[in-house]
């Protein structure tokens, strides 16, 4: 599978995507950013991470099933580049954009290897989500800094 690149510019798609669906789409796209597809570890991690994101805290198993069906349906109907661009455009505010970014860095970092291609992808996503370098570093430190502290203890 070729390395994924984020689309530049606006989406040609007219599909309206709910913010929660947009975050799930970006999580899946991020899992495939290494060009190797989505591993079962990444898929499981994505579902676990989404369950811990505040936006999804009230989701039941049925809600997650419905979310999965929406995501799969959109992936089957739309071109990936258009779908990702539409997902980014569908995030209505900073909180949703940051939740999408956190989901992406968690999924990309799950295998504890972040090659240059994935680093480039995360940088492009950060830019597309309009997250400053300083804020991105704060989010990364908040996510991975806690794990490092736990490992040291």
Protein backbone atom coordinates (compact mmCIF):
# COMPACT_ATOMS: atom_id res chain seq x y z
CA UNK A 1 0.00 0.00 0.00
CA UNK A 2 1.49 3.38 -0.93
CA UNK A 3 2.29 5.92 1.73
CA UNK A 4 -0.70 8.13 2.49
CA UNK A 5 -0.44 11.88 2.09
CA UNK A 6 -2.92 14.41 3.32
CA UNK A 7 -4.84 16.16 0.58
CA UNK A 8 -4.18 19.82 -0.02
CA UNK A 9 -7.07 22.23 -0.39
CA UNK A 10 -10.75 21.79 0.08
CA UNK A 11 -12.74 18.62 -0.39
CA UNK A 12 -14.71 17.98 -3.58
CA UNK A 13 -17.14 15.91 -1.52
CA UNK A 14 -20.50 17.25 -0.52
CA UNK A 15 -20.95 14.69 2.24
CA UNK A 16 -21.65 16.21 5.65
CA UNK A 17 -19.70 14.36 8.31
CA UNK A 18 -20.50 14.49 12.01
CA UNK A 19 -17.46 15.53 14.09
CA UNK A 20 -17.31 12.17 15.90
CA UNK A 21 -17.31 10.34 12.56
CA UNK A 22 -14.62 12.73 11.30
CA UNK A 23 -12.38 11.90 14.26
CA UNK A 24 -12.83 8.16 13.68
CA UNK A 25 -12.01 8.58 9.97
CA UNK A 26 -8.85 10.52 10.78
CA UNK A 27 -7.91 7.85 13.31
CA UNK A 28 -8.25 5.13 10.68
CA UNK A 29 -6.38 7.18 8.10
CA UNK A 30 -3.63 7.74 10.67
CA UNK A 31 -3.39 4.01 11.37
CA UNK A 32 -2.74 3.49 7.67
CA UNK A 33 -0.19 6.34 7.47
CA UNK A 34 2.73 3.92 7.55
CA UNK A 35 1.62 2.49 4.20
CA UNK A 36 1.17 -0.97 5.72
CA UNK A 37 -2.57 -0.86 6.21
CA UNK A 38 -4.32 -1.08 9.56
CA UNK A 39 -3.03 -3.75 11.92
CA UNK A 40 -5.26 -5.44 14.47
CA UNK A 41 -3.23 -3.70 17.21
CA UNK A 42 -3.89 -0.29 15.62
CA UNK A 43 -7.57 -1.09 15.12
CA UNK A 44 -7.96 -2.18 18.75
CA UNK A 45 -5.97 0.85 19.98
CA UNK A 46 -8.14 3.19 17.94
CA UNK A 47 -11.34 1.79 19.44
CA UNK A 48 -9.87 1.99 22.95
CA UNK A 49 -8.61 5.55 22.44
CA UNK A 50 -11.93 6.71 21.05
CA UNK A 51 -13.64 5.26 24.10
CA UNK A 52 -11.43 7.44 26.30
CA UNK A 53 -11.95 10.68 24.33
CA UNK A 54 -14.42 12.91 26.17
CA UNK A 55 -16.53 13.32 23.04
CA UNK A 56 -17.30 9.60 23.11
CA UNK A 57 -17.67 9.09 26.87
CA UNK A 58 -21.44 8.62 26.66
CA UNK A 59 -21.27 6.23 23.70
CA UNK A 60 -22.72 2.78 24.24
CA UNK A 61 -21.57 -0.34 22.38
CA UNK A 62 -24.50 0.22 20.00
CA UNK A 63 -23.38 3.81 19.41
CA UNK A 64 -19.86 2.62 18.56
CA UNK A 65 -21.32 -0.01 16.23
CA UNK A 66 -23.36 2.69 14.47
CA UNK A 67 -20.27 4.92 14.27
CA UNK A 68 -18.29 2.05 12.71
CA UNK A 69 -21.03 1.44 10.15
CA UNK A 70 -21.05 5.13 9.17
CA UNK A 71 -17.27 5.19 8.79
CA UNK A 72 -17.20 2.00 6.69
CA UNK A 73 -20.04 3.29 4.52
CA UNK A 74 -18.25 6.59 3.88
CA UNK A 75 -14.96 4.82 3.12
CA UNK A 76 -16.73 2.65 0.56
CA UNK A 77 -18.52 5.61 -1.07
CA UNK A 78 -15.86 8.35 -1.13
CA UNK A 79 -12.32 8.72 -2.39
CA UNK A 80 -9.94 8.57 0.62
CA UNK A 81 -8.39 11.98 -0.08
CA UNK A 82 -11.81 13.63 -0.38
CA UNK A 83 -13.02 11.88 2.75
CA UNK A 84 -10.03 12.99 4.83
CA UNK A 85 -10.34 16.58 3.61
CA UNK A 86 -14.06 16.55 4.43
CA UNK A 87 -13.33 15.05 7.86
CA UNK A 88 -10.87 17.84 8.65
CA UNK A 89 -13.34 20.47 7.45
CA UNK A 90 -16.08 18.89 9.59
CA UNK A 91 -14.30 19.52 12.88
CA UNK A 92 -16.16 22.59 14.19
CA UNK A 93 -13.76 23.90 16.80
CA UNK A 94 -10.40 23.65 18.52
CA UNK A 95 -11.52 20.92 20.94
CA UNK A 96 -12.56 18.60 18.09
CA UNK A 97 -9.40 19.37 16.09
CA UNK A 98 -7.24 18.61 19.12
CA UNK A 99 -9.17 15.39 19.83
CA UNK A 100 -8.53 14.31 16.23
CA UNK A 101 -4.83 15.15 16.57
CA UNK A 102 -4.50 13.27 19.85
CA UNK A 103 -6.25 10.25 18.34
CA UNK A 104 -3.86 10.37 15.38
CA UNK A 105 -0.69 10.60 17.48
CA UNK A 106 -1.86 7.78 19.72
CA UNK A 107 -2.60 5.49 16.79
CA UNK A 108 0.64 6.36 15.00
CA UNK A 109 2.67 5.90 18.18
CA UNK A 110 1.06 2.64 19.32
CA UNK A 111 3.86 0.51 17.88
CA UNK A 112 6.46 2.78 19.53
CA UNK A 113 8.06 3.33 16.13
CA UNK A 114 7.49 6.57 14.28
CA UNK A 115 9.43 6.53 11.01
CA UNK A 116 10.00 9.71 9.02
CA UNK A 117 6.96 9.06 6.80
CA UNK A 118 4.66 8.98 9.84
CA UNK A 119 6.37 12.05 11.31
CA UNK A 120 5.72 13.86 8.01
CA UNK A 121 2.09 12.72 8.09
CA UNK A 122 1.60 13.98 11.67
CA UNK A 123 3.19 17.32 10.75
CA UNK A 124 0.86 17.66 7.76
CA UNK A 125 -2.13 16.74 9.89
CA UNK A 126 -1.10 19.27 12.54
CA UNK A 127 -0.94 21.97 9.87
CA UNK A 128 -4.28 20.92 8.36
CA UNK A 129 -5.90 21.01 11.80
CA UNK A 130 -4.42 24.49 12.43
CA UNK A 131 -2.61 23.43 15.61
CA UNK A 132 0.48 25.47 16.47
CA UNK A 133 3.84 23.78 16.97
CA UNK A 134 3.79 24.78 20.63
CA UNK A 135 0.30 23.36 21.22
CA UNK A 136 1.14 20.18 19.30
CA UNK A 137 4.17 19.64 21.53
CA UNK A 138 2.01 20.20 24.64
CA UNK A 139 -0.47 17.58 23.39
CA UNK A 140 2.30 15.11 22.56
CA UNK A 141 3.92 15.64 25.96
CA UNK A 142 0.53 15.26 27.65
CA UNK A 143 -0.09 11.96 25.91
CA UNK A 144 3.34 10.36 25.88
CA UNK A 145 4.87 12.13 28.88
CA UNK A 146 2.45 10.33 31.23
CA UNK A 147 3.41 6.93 29.80
CA UNK A 148 7.13 7.66 30.20
CA UNK A 149 6.61 8.69 33.83
CA UNK A 150 4.67 5.49 34.56
CA UNK A 151 7.42 3.36 32.97
CA UNK A 152 10.09 5.05 35.13
CA UNK A 153 8.27 4.23 38.39
